Amino acid sequence: MPTVHVNASQLKSMLGGSTRSHQARVQACLDWCAMHGIEAVPISTTGIPVRRADGSVGLQTNERQEGFSDVLICLPPTGRMGLLEVKTGDARRSPAQRAMQARFAAAGALCLVVRDVAELEKALSSKGARCLTTT
C-alpha cells in the first residue's frame, strides 16, 4: 500500500472542530500527572490517513484501538494501571469506550472520565490514590 502524505491543514480539516479543545485538555492532564509523579502516556486513536478511491484523503479507524481511552496512567507507589478518558462539552463515552473501560476495570485498572484537571485531581484523591504529592 502506498504511503499517503497529509499536511497539517488537511489533517485539521479531517478532525472535528472540538479536537483542539480536546487536545488541550489531554495535554493539561498529562502535565498535571507529570507534576505529581504519575507516569502518563497519551494514546492517539485518531486514525490512519488513507487515500480514498476518489483521490481524497480520509481517516481509517484502527479497529484494535476502538474504544481505548486518551491516556494510559500508572499510579505510584503501587504501579496500578489506569485509563483516563478526557471529554469536552457534553460529550459522553461511546459504547466501545464503556466496554473497554469495563474490561480494564474488571482486570483491576482504575478507569476515569474527566473534563478538566480539577476533576482528575478530585477523582484520584477520592479513589484513595496515594500518589498525590503535597508540594
Protein backbone atom coordinates (compact mmCIF):
# COMPACT_ATOMS: atom_id res chain seq x y z
CA MET A 1 0.00 0.00 0.00
CA PRO A 2 1.50 3.39 -0.97
CA THR A 3 2.32 5.96 1.70
CA VAL A 4 -0.16 8.82 1.98
CA HIS A 5 1.23 12.28 2.74
CA VAL A 6 -1.05 14.69 4.56
CA ASN A 7 -0.18 18.23 5.55
CA ALA A 8 -1.31 19.83 8.82
CA SER A 9 -4.23 21.74 7.33
CA GLN A 10 -5.58 18.62 5.61
CA LEU A 11 -5.36 16.67 8.86
CA LYS A 12 -7.03 19.51 10.76
CA SER A 13 -9.92 19.52 8.28
CA MET A 14 -10.39 15.77 8.80
CA LEU A 15 -10.64 16.17 12.57
CA GLY A 16 -13.71 17.63 14.23
CA GLY A 17 -13.97 21.20 15.45
CA SER A 18 -13.61 20.26 19.11
CA THR A 19 -10.31 18.49 18.51
CA ARG A 20 -8.16 21.44 19.53
CA SER A 21 -10.05 21.84 22.83
CA HIS A 22 -9.82 18.11 23.48
CA GLN A 23 -6.08 18.02 22.77
CA ALA A 24 -5.52 20.98 25.10
CA ARG A 25 -7.36 19.21 27.93
CA VAL A 26 -5.48 15.97 27.36
CA GLN A 27 -2.20 17.91 27.45
CA ALA A 28 -3.24 19.67 30.68
CA CYS A 29 -3.97 16.27 32.26
CA LEU A 30 -0.59 14.94 31.06
CA ASP A 31 1.16 18.00 32.53
CA TRP A 32 -0.69 17.58 35.84
CA CYS A 33 0.28 13.91 36.01
CA ALA A 34 3.94 14.79 35.34
CA MET A 35 3.88 17.37 38.16
CA HIS A 36 2.57 14.70 40.55
CA GLY A 37 4.95 11.92 39.59
CA ILE A 38 2.34 9.89 37.72
CA GLU A 39 3.58 8.15 34.59
CA ALA A 40 1.20 9.00 31.76
CA VAL A 41 1.25 8.27 28.04
CA PRO A 42 -1.16 9.77 25.51
CA ILE A 43 -2.81 7.26 23.20
CA SER A 44 -3.63 8.53 19.72
CA THR A 45 -6.68 6.81 18.29
CA THR A 46 -7.43 9.47 15.67
CA GLY A 47 -6.98 7.10 12.77
CA ILE A 48 -4.65 6.45 9.91
CA PRO A 49 -4.67 8.81 6.88
CA VAL A 50 -5.58 6.82 3.75
CA ARG A 51 -6.23 7.78 0.15
CA ARG A 52 -9.83 7.13 -0.91
CA ALA A 53 -10.87 5.81 -4.29
CA ASP A 54 -11.91 9.33 -5.38
CA GLY A 55 -8.41 10.67 -4.59
CA SER A 56 -9.35 12.46 -1.38
CA VAL A 57 -7.75 11.62 1.95
CA GLY A 58 -9.67 10.32 4.94
CA LEU A 59 -9.01 8.73 8.30
CA GLN A 60 -9.29 4.97 8.64
CA THR A 61 -10.11 3.66 12.11
CA ASN A 62 -7.68 1.28 13.72
CA GLU A 63 -10.22 -1.30 14.89
CA ARG A 64 -7.83 -2.73 17.50
CA GLN A 65 -7.84 0.66 19.26
CA GLU A 66 -11.56 1.29 19.06
CA GLY A 67 -12.82 2.42 22.45
CA PHE A 68 -9.39 2.93 24.00
CA SER A 69 -9.03 5.88 26.36
CA ASP A 70 -6.98 9.03 25.73
CA VAL A 71 -4.27 8.45 28.34
CA LEU A 72 -2.68 5.41 29.94
CA ILE A 73 -1.53 6.11 33.51
CA CYS A 74 0.48 4.22 36.12
CA LEU A 75 -0.08 5.24 39.73
CA PRO A 76 2.75 5.22 42.24
CA PRO A 77 3.60 3.65 44.58
CA THR A 78 1.62 0.51 43.67
CA GLY A 79 2.01 0.59 39.89
CA ARG A 80 -1.75 0.31 39.40
CA MET A 81 -2.59 0.98 35.78
CA GLY A 82 -5.37 3.27 34.74
CA LEU A 83 -7.26 4.55 31.75
CA LEU A 84 -8.08 8.24 31.55
CA GLU A 85 -10.82 9.35 29.17
CA VAL A 86 -10.98 13.12 28.63
CA LYS A 87 -14.25 14.62 27.43
CA THR A 88 -15.19 18.12 26.32
CA GLY A 89 -18.54 19.87 26.29
CA ASP A 90 -21.42 17.47 26.80
CA ALA A 91 -19.67 14.55 25.07
CA ARG A 92 -20.26 11.09 26.54
CA ARG A 93 -18.36 7.81 26.24
CA SER A 94 -19.20 5.67 23.25
CA PRO A 95 -20.43 2.11 23.76
CA ALA A 96 -16.95 0.91 22.69
CA GLN A 97 -15.31 3.16 25.31
CA ARG A 98 -17.67 1.91 28.01
CA ALA A 99 -16.92 -1.69 27.08
CA MET A 100 -13.15 -1.13 27.02
CA GLN A 101 -13.16 0.58 30.42
CA ALA A 102 -15.35 -2.19 31.86
CA ARG A 103 -12.86 -4.82 30.64
CA PHE A 104 -9.90 -2.98 32.15
CA ALA A 105 -11.73 -2.20 35.42
CA ALA A 106 -12.60 -5.89 35.79
CA ALA A 107 -8.88 -6.64 35.48
CA GLY A 108 -8.05 -4.14 38.25
CA ALA A 109 -7.31 -0.93 36.34
CA LEU A 110 -8.54 2.44 37.55
CA CYS A 111 -10.81 3.90 34.86
CA LEU A 112 -11.65 7.61 34.96
CA VAL A 113 -13.64 10.01 32.83
CA VAL A 114 -12.78 13.68 33.40
CA ARG A 115 -13.46 17.02 31.74
CA ASP A 116 -10.59 19.01 33.26
CA VAL A 117 -7.61 18.84 35.62
CA ALA A 118 -9.73 19.68 38.66
CA GLU A 119 -11.89 16.60 38.03
CA LEU A 120 -8.75 14.49 37.55
CA GLU A 121 -7.30 15.62 40.89
CA LYS A 122 -10.62 15.09 42.68
CA ALA A 123 -11.09 11.64 41.15
CA LEU A 124 -7.60 10.46 42.09
CA SER A 125 -7.98 11.84 45.62
CA SER A 126 -11.40 10.21 46.11
CA LYS A 127 -10.19 6.86 44.77
CA GLY A 128 -7.63 6.69 47.58
CA ALA A 129 -4.75 7.05 45.16
CA ARG A 130 -1.81 7.64 47.48
CA CYS A 131 0.16 9.03 44.59
CA LEU A 132 -0.53 12.72 45.03
CA THR A 133 2.38 14.67 46.41
CA THR A 134 1.81 17.63 48.66
CA THR A 135 4.19 20.22 47.23
